[in-house]
Amino acid sequence: MDQDFLQAFVEVVREQIARKNKVKIEGIGSFRVEHKKQYQKQYDNGRVVMMPPRDTISFKPEN
């Protein structure tokens, strides 16, 4: 594949993910943004930390 095409493709996917849109690629799968809520994490030493909410990118392969 042409390097310019790949760069443009990645740029378009990145832009759509940044806008929190689902990106489906036929024959491969889909990317989407998932929002994770704030939660408490307790370490083995008893220390409790509040983890901030965040957005993550998930990938689901096509069947």
PDB file of N, CA and C in Angstrom:
ATOM      1  N   MET A   1       0.839  -1.187   0.000  1.00  0.00           N
ATOM      2  CA  MET A   1       0.000   0.000   0.000  1.00  0.00           C
ATOM      3  C   MET A   1       0.881   1.246   0.000  1.00  0.00           C
ATOM      4  N   ASP A   2       0.334   2.277  -0.525  1.00  0.00           N
ATOM      5  CA  ASP A   2       1.023   3.552  -0.601  1.00  0.00           C
ATOM      6  C   ASP A   2       1.115   4.167   0.801  1.00  0.00           C
ATOM      7  N   GLN A   3       2.277   4.714   1.136  1.00  0.00           N
ATOM      8  CA  GLN A   3       2.492   5.314   2.464  1.00  0.00           C
ATOM      9  C   GLN A   3       1.537   6.485   2.705  1.00  0.00           C
ATOM     10  N   ASP A   4       1.264   7.283   1.678  1.00  0.00           N
ATOM     11  CA  ASP A   4       0.347   8.416   1.829  1.00  0.00           C
ATOM     12  C   ASP A   4      -1.072   7.938   2.149  1.00  0.00           C
ATOM     13  N   PHE A   5      -1.489   6.840   1.498  1.00  0.00           N
ATOM     14  CA  PHE A   5      -2.813   6.293   1.768  1.00  0.00           C
ATOM     15  C   PHE A   5      -2.919   5.828   3.219  1.00  0.00           C
ATOM     16  N   LEU A   6      -1.915   5.096   3.695  1.00  0.00           N
ATOM     17  CA  LEU A   6      -1.938   4.606   5.079  1.00  0.00           C
ATOM     18  C   LEU A   6      -1.969   5.763   6.072  1.00  0.00           C
ATOM     19  N   GLN A   7      -1.184   6.789   5.809  1.00  0.00           N
ATOM     20  CA  GLN A   7      -1.155   7.933   6.706  1.00  0.00           C
ATOM     21  C   GLN A   7      -2.523   8.617   6.736  1.00  0.00           C
ATOM     22  N   ALA A   8      -3.153   8.792   5.575  1.00  0.00           N
ATOM     23  CA  ALA A   8      -4.472   9.415   5.511  1.00  0.00           C
ATOM     24  C   ALA A   8      -5.520   8.548   6.205  1.00  0.00           C
ATOM     25  N   PHE A   9      -5.433   7.225   6.010  1.00  0.00           N
ATOM     26  CA  PHE A   9      -6.364   6.289   6.640  1.00  0.00           C
ATOM     27  C   PHE A   9      -6.280   6.384   8.160  1.00  0.00           C
ATOM     28  N   VAL A  10      -5.082   6.351   8.690  1.00  0.00           N
ATOM     29  CA  VAL A  10      -4.881   6.434  10.147  1.00  0.00           C
ATOM     30  C   VAL A  10      -5.395   7.766  10.674  1.00  0.00           C
ATOM     31  N   GLU A  11      -5.170   8.828   9.932  1.00  0.00           N
ATOM     32  CA  GLU A  11      -5.632  10.149  10.348  1.00  0.00           C
ATOM     33  C   GLU A  11      -7.160  10.210  10.428  1.00  0.00           C
ATOM     34  N   VAL A  12      -7.836   9.632   9.453  1.00  0.00           N
ATOM     35  CA  VAL A  12      -9.299   9.624   9.444  1.00  0.00           C
ATOM     36  C   VAL A  12      -9.840   8.799  10.613  1.00  0.00           C
ATOM     37  N   VAL A  13      -9.266   7.627  10.840  1.00  0.00           N
ATOM     38  CA  VAL A  13      -9.706   6.777  11.957  1.00  0.00           C
ATOM     39  C   VAL A  13      -9.476   7.498  13.277  1.00  0.00           C
ATOM     40  N   ARG A  14      -8.310   8.097  13.442  1.00  0.00           N
ATOM     41  CA  ARG A  14      -7.990   8.815  14.683  1.00  0.00           C
ATOM     42  C   ARG A  14      -8.966   9.966  14.918  1.00  0.00           C
ATOM     43  N   GLU A  15      -9.285  10.702  13.868  1.00  0.00           N
ATOM     44  CA  GLU A  15     -10.210  11.824  13.985  1.00  0.00           C
ATOM     45  C   GLU A  15     -11.606  11.357  14.400  1.00  0.00           C
ATOM     46  N   GLN A  16     -12.086  10.281  13.805  1.00  0.00           N
ATOM     47  CA  GLN A  16     -13.423   9.780  14.136  1.00  0.00           C
ATOM     48  C   GLN A  16     -13.472   9.234  15.565  1.00  0.00           C
ATOM     49  N   ILE A  17     -12.423   8.559  15.999  1.00  0.00           N
ATOM     50  CA  ILE A  17     -12.368   8.066  17.386  1.00  0.00           C
ATOM     51  C   ILE A  17     -12.343   9.247  18.346  1.00  0.00           C
ATOM     52  N   ALA A  18     -11.600  10.301  18.016  1.00  0.00           N
ATOM     53  CA  ALA A  18     -11.544  11.488  18.874  1.00  0.00           C
ATOM     54  C   ALA A  18     -12.923  12.129  19.008  1.00  0.00           C
ATOM     55  N   ARG A  19     -13.749  12.005  17.978  1.00  0.00           N
ATOM     56  CA  ARG A  19     -15.118  12.529  18.021  1.00  0.00           C
ATOM     57  C   ARG A  19     -16.091  11.534  18.644  1.00  0.00           C
ATOM     58  N   LYS A  20     -15.561  10.422  19.116  1.00  0.00           N
ATOM     59  CA  LYS A  20     -16.314   9.359  19.785  1.00  0.00           C
ATOM     60  C   LYS A  20     -17.301   8.664  18.854  1.00  0.00           C
ATOM     61  N   ASN A  21     -16.948   8.572  17.580  1.00  0.00           N
ATOM     62  CA  ASN A  21     -17.740   7.848  16.602  1.00  0.00           C
ATOM     63  C   ASN A  21     -17.211   6.422  16.471  1.00  0.00           C
ATOM     64  N   LYS A  22     -18.088   5.495  16.157  1.00  0.00           N
ATOM     65  CA  LYS A  22     -17.694   4.116  15.911  1.00  0.00           C
ATOM     66  C   LYS A  22     -17.095   4.030  14.511  1.00  0.00           C
ATOM     67  N   VAL A  23     -16.003   3.296  14.365  1.00  0.00           N
ATOM     68  CA  VAL A  23     -15.348   3.125  13.073  1.00  0.00           C
ATOM     69  C   VAL A  23     -15.378   1.648  12.717  1.00  0.00           C
ATOM     70  N   LYS A  24     -16.089   1.316  11.623  1.00  0.00           N
ATOM     71  CA  LYS A  24     -16.187  -0.069  11.191  1.00  0.00           C
ATOM     72  C   LYS A  24     -15.393  -0.246   9.899  1.00  0.00           C
ATOM     73  N   ILE A  25     -14.530  -1.257   9.884  1.00  0.00           N
ATOM     74  CA  ILE A  25     -13.728  -1.564   8.712  1.00  0.00           C
ATOM     75  C   ILE A  25     -14.169  -2.931   8.225  1.00  0.00           C
ATOM     76  N   GLU A  26     -14.790  -2.959   7.062  1.00  0.00           N
ATOM     77  CA  GLU A  26     -15.321  -4.205   6.510  1.00  0.00           C
ATOM     78  C   GLU A  26     -14.231  -5.266   6.415  1.00  0.00           C
ATOM     79  N   GLY A  27     -14.546  -6.459   6.885  1.00  0.00           N
ATOM     80  CA  GLY A  27     -13.619  -7.578   6.812  1.00  0.00           C
ATOM     81  C   GLY A  27     -12.609  -7.626   7.943  1.00  0.00           C
ATOM     82  N   ILE A  28     -12.548  -6.582   8.753  1.00  0.00           N
ATOM     83  CA  ILE A  28     -11.572  -6.542   9.856  1.00  0.00           C
ATOM     84  C   ILE A  28     -12.286  -6.467  11.202  1.00  0.00           C
ATOM     85  N   GLY A  29     -13.100  -5.436  11.404  1.00  0.00           N
ATOM     86  CA  GLY A  29     -13.809  -5.270  12.668  1.00  0.00           C
ATOM     87  C   GLY A  29     -14.150  -3.814  12.905  1.00  0.00           C
ATOM     88  N   SER A  30     -14.426  -3.487  14.161  1.00  0.00           N
ATOM     89  CA  SER A  30     -14.816  -2.113  14.473  1.00  0.00           C
ATOM     90  C   SER A  30     -14.133  -1.617  15.742  1.00  0.00           C
ATOM     91  N   PHE A  31     -13.876  -0.313  15.749  1.00  0.00           N
ATOM     92  CA  PHE A  31     -13.310   0.386  16.892  1.00  0.00           C
ATOM     93  C   PHE A  31     -14.404   1.274  17.457  1.00  0.00           C
ATOM     94  N   ARG A  32     -14.422   1.403  18.782  1.00  0.00           N
ATOM     95  CA  ARG A  32     -15.360   2.333  19.406  1.00  0.00           C
ATOM     96  C   ARG A  32     -14.802   2.805  20.727  1.00  0.00           C
ATOM     97  N   VAL A  33     -15.320   3.927  21.187  1.00  0.00           N
ATOM     98  CA  VAL A  33     -14.889   4.512  22.450  1.00  0.00           C
ATOM     99  C   VAL A  33     -15.816   4.016  23.550  1.00  0.00           C
ATOM    100  N   GLU A  34     -15.243   3.532  24.630  1.00  0.00           N
ATOM    101  CA  GLU A  34     -16.013   3.113  25.806  1.00  0.00           C
ATOM    102  C   GLU A  34     -15.649   4.025  26.968  1.00  0.00           C
ATOM    103  N   HIS A  35     -16.654   4.489  27.685  1.00  0.00           N
ATOM    104  CA  HIS A  35     -16.425   5.337  28.845  1.00  0.00           C
ATOM    105  C   HIS A  35     -16.365   4.468  30.096  1.00  0.00           C
ATOM    106  N   LYS A  36     -15.290   4.600  30.839  1.00  0.00           N
ATOM    107  CA  LYS A  36     -15.132   3.889  32.108  1.00  0.00           C
ATOM    108  C   LYS A  36     -15.421   4.867  33.234  1.00  0.00           C
ATOM    109  N   LYS A  37     -16.295   4.467  34.150  1.00  0.00           N
ATOM    110  CA  LYS A  37     -16.656   5.329  35.275  1.00  0.00           C
ATOM    111  C   LYS A  37     -15.540   5.364  36.317  1.00  0.00           C
ATOM    112  N   GLN A  38     -15.631   6.340  37.204  1.00  0.00           N
ATOM    113  CA  GLN A  38     -14.704   6.455  38.322  1.00  0.00           C
ATOM    114  C   GLN A  38     -14.913   5.270  39.263  1.00  0.00           C
ATOM    115  N   TYR A  39     -13.820   4.755  39.829  1.00  0.00           N
ATOM    116  CA  TYR A  39     -13.946   3.634  40.753  1.00  0.00           C
ATOM    117  C   TYR A  39     -12.815   3.664  41.782  1.00  0.00           C
ATOM    118  N   GLN A  40     -13.000   2.904  42.864  1.00  0.00           N
ATOM    119  CA  GLN A  40     -11.977   2.799  43.900  1.00  0.00           C
ATOM    120  C   GLN A  40     -11.130   1.564  43.649  1.00  0.00           C
ATOM    121  N   LYS A  41      -9.820   1.729  43.824  1.00  0.00           N
ATOM    122  CA  LYS A  41      -8.904   0.605  43.681  1.00  0.00           C
ATOM    123  C   LYS A  41      -8.168   0.445  45.006  1.00  0.00           C
ATOM    124  N   GLN A  42      -8.191  -0.772  45.541  1.00  0.00           N
ATOM    125  CA  GLN A  42      -7.518  -1.027  46.809  1.00  0.00           C
ATOM    126  C   GLN A  42      -6.307  -1.912  46.552  1.00  0.00           C
ATOM    127  N   TYR A  43      -5.151  -1.446  47.018  1.00  0.00           N
ATOM    128  CA  TYR A  43      -3.911  -2.188  46.856  1.00  0.00           C
ATOM    129  C   TYR A  43      -3.737  -3.172  48.004  1.00  0.00           C
ATOM    130  N   ASP A  44      -2.809  -4.100  47.845  1.00  0.00           N
ATOM    131  CA  ASP A  44      -2.563  -5.130  48.863  1.00  0.00           C
ATOM    132  C   ASP A  44      -2.155  -4.541  50.212  1.00  0.00           C
ATOM    133  N   ASN A  45      -1.521  -3.368  50.200  1.00  0.00           N
ATOM    134  CA  ASN A  45      -1.088  -2.760  51.464  1.00  0.00           C
ATOM    135  C   ASN A  45      -2.222  -1.998  52.161  1.00  0.00           C
ATOM    136  N   GLY A  46      -3.438  -2.033  51.595  1.00  0.00           N
ATOM    137  CA  GLY A  46      -4.593  -1.387  52.204  1.00  0.00           C
ATOM    138  C   GLY A  46      -4.865   0.015  51.694  1.00  0.00           C
ATOM    139  N   ARG A  47      -3.965   0.551  50.912  1.00  0.00           N
ATOM    140  CA  ARG A  47      -4.135   1.902  50.367  1.00  0.00           C
ATOM    141  C   ARG A  47      -5.276   1.903  49.351  1.00  0.00           C
ATOM    142  N   VAL A  48      -6.164   2.894  49.465  1.00  0.00           N
ATOM    143  CA  VAL A  48      -7.302   3.032  48.556  1.00  0.00           C
ATOM    144  C   VAL A  48      -7.095   4.285  47.713  1.00  0.00           C
ATOM    145  N   VAL A  49      -7.268   4.117  46.416  1.00  0.00           N
ATOM    146  CA  VAL A  49      -7.074   5.225  45.482  1.00  0.00           C
ATOM    147  C   VAL A  49      -8.309   5.342  44.600  1.00  0.00           C
ATOM    148  N   MET A  50      -8.772   6.572  44.378  1.00  0.00           N
ATOM    149  CA  MET A  50      -9.872   6.806  43.444  1.00  0.00           C
ATOM    150  C   MET A  50      -9.282   6.912  42.041  1.00  0.00           C
ATOM    151  N   MET A  51      -9.730   6.047  41.154  1.00  0.00           N
ATOM    152  CA  MET A  51      -9.289   6.076  39.767  1.00  0.00           C
ATOM    153  C   MET A  51     -10.243   6.983  38.993  1.00  0.00           C
ATOM    154  N   PRO A  52      -9.724   7.919  38.225  1.00  0.00           N
ATOM    155  CA  PRO A  52     -10.589   8.873  37.526  1.00  0.00           C
ATOM    156  C   PRO A  52     -11.339   8.225  36.363  1.00  0.00           C
ATOM    157  N   PRO A  53     -12.445   8.827  35.956  1.00  0.00           N
ATOM    158  CA  PRO A  53     -13.153   8.307  34.779  1.00  0.00           C
ATOM    159  C   PRO A  53     -12.279   8.526  33.552  1.00  0.00           C
ATOM    160  N   ARG A  54     -12.452   7.657  32.543  1.00  0.00           N
ATOM    161  CA  ARG A  54     -11.635   7.787  31.337  1.00  0.00           C
ATOM    162  C   ARG A  54     -12.331   7.120  30.166  1.00  0.00           C
ATOM    163  N   ASP A  55     -11.902   7.501  29.002  1.00  0.00           N
ATOM    164  CA  ASP A  55     -12.386   6.872  27.775  1.00  0.00           C
ATOM    165  C   ASP A  55     -11.307   5.922  27.270  1.00  0.00           C
ATOM    166  N   THR A  56     -11.727   4.751  26.826  1.00  0.00           N
ATOM    167  CA  THR A  56     -10.799   3.783  26.250  1.00  0.00           C
ATOM    168  C   THR A  56     -11.297   3.392  24.865  1.00  0.00           C
ATOM    169  N   ILE A  57     -10.400   2.894  24.048  1.00  0.00           N
ATOM    170  CA  ILE A  57     -10.765   2.437  22.711  1.00  0.00           C
ATOM    171  C   ILE A  57     -10.823   0.923  22.738  1.00  0.00           C
ATOM    172  N   SER A  58     -11.942   0.368  22.266  1.00  0.00           N
ATOM    173  CA  SER A  58     -12.066  -1.081  22.195  1.00  0.00           C
ATOM    174  C   SER A  58     -12.179  -1.499  20.736  1.00  0.00           C
ATOM    175  N   PHE A  59     -11.716  -2.711  20.461  1.00  0.00           N
ATOM    176  CA  PHE A  59     -11.759  -3.274  19.115  1.00  0.00           C
ATOM    177  C   PHE A  59     -12.522  -4.594  19.166  1.00  0.00           C
ATOM    178  N   LYS A  60     -13.462  -4.757  18.270  1.00  0.00           N
ATOM    179  CA  LYS A  60     -14.207  -5.997  18.169  1.00  0.00           C
ATOM    180  C   LYS A  60     -13.996  -6.555  16.756  1.00  0.00           C
ATOM    181  N   PRO A  61     -13.335  -7.717  16.646  1.00  0.00           N
ATOM    182  CA  PRO A  61     -13.110  -8.284  15.323  1.00  0.00           C
ATOM    183  C   PRO A  61     -14.406  -8.740  14.680  1.00  0.00           C
ATOM    184  N   GLU A  62     -14.434  -8.701  13.358  1.00  0.00           N
ATOM    185  CA  GLU A  62     -15.612  -9.141  12.607  1.00  0.00           C
ATOM    186  C   GLU A  62     -15.633 -10.667  12.573  1.00  0.00           C
ATOM    187  N   ASN A  63     -16.813 -11.231  12.663  1.00  0.00           N
ATOM    188  CA  ASN A  63     -16.940 -12.693  12.650  1.00  0.00           C
ATOM    189  C   ASN A  63     -16.804 -13.249  11.267  1.00  0.00           C
TER     190      ASN A  63
END
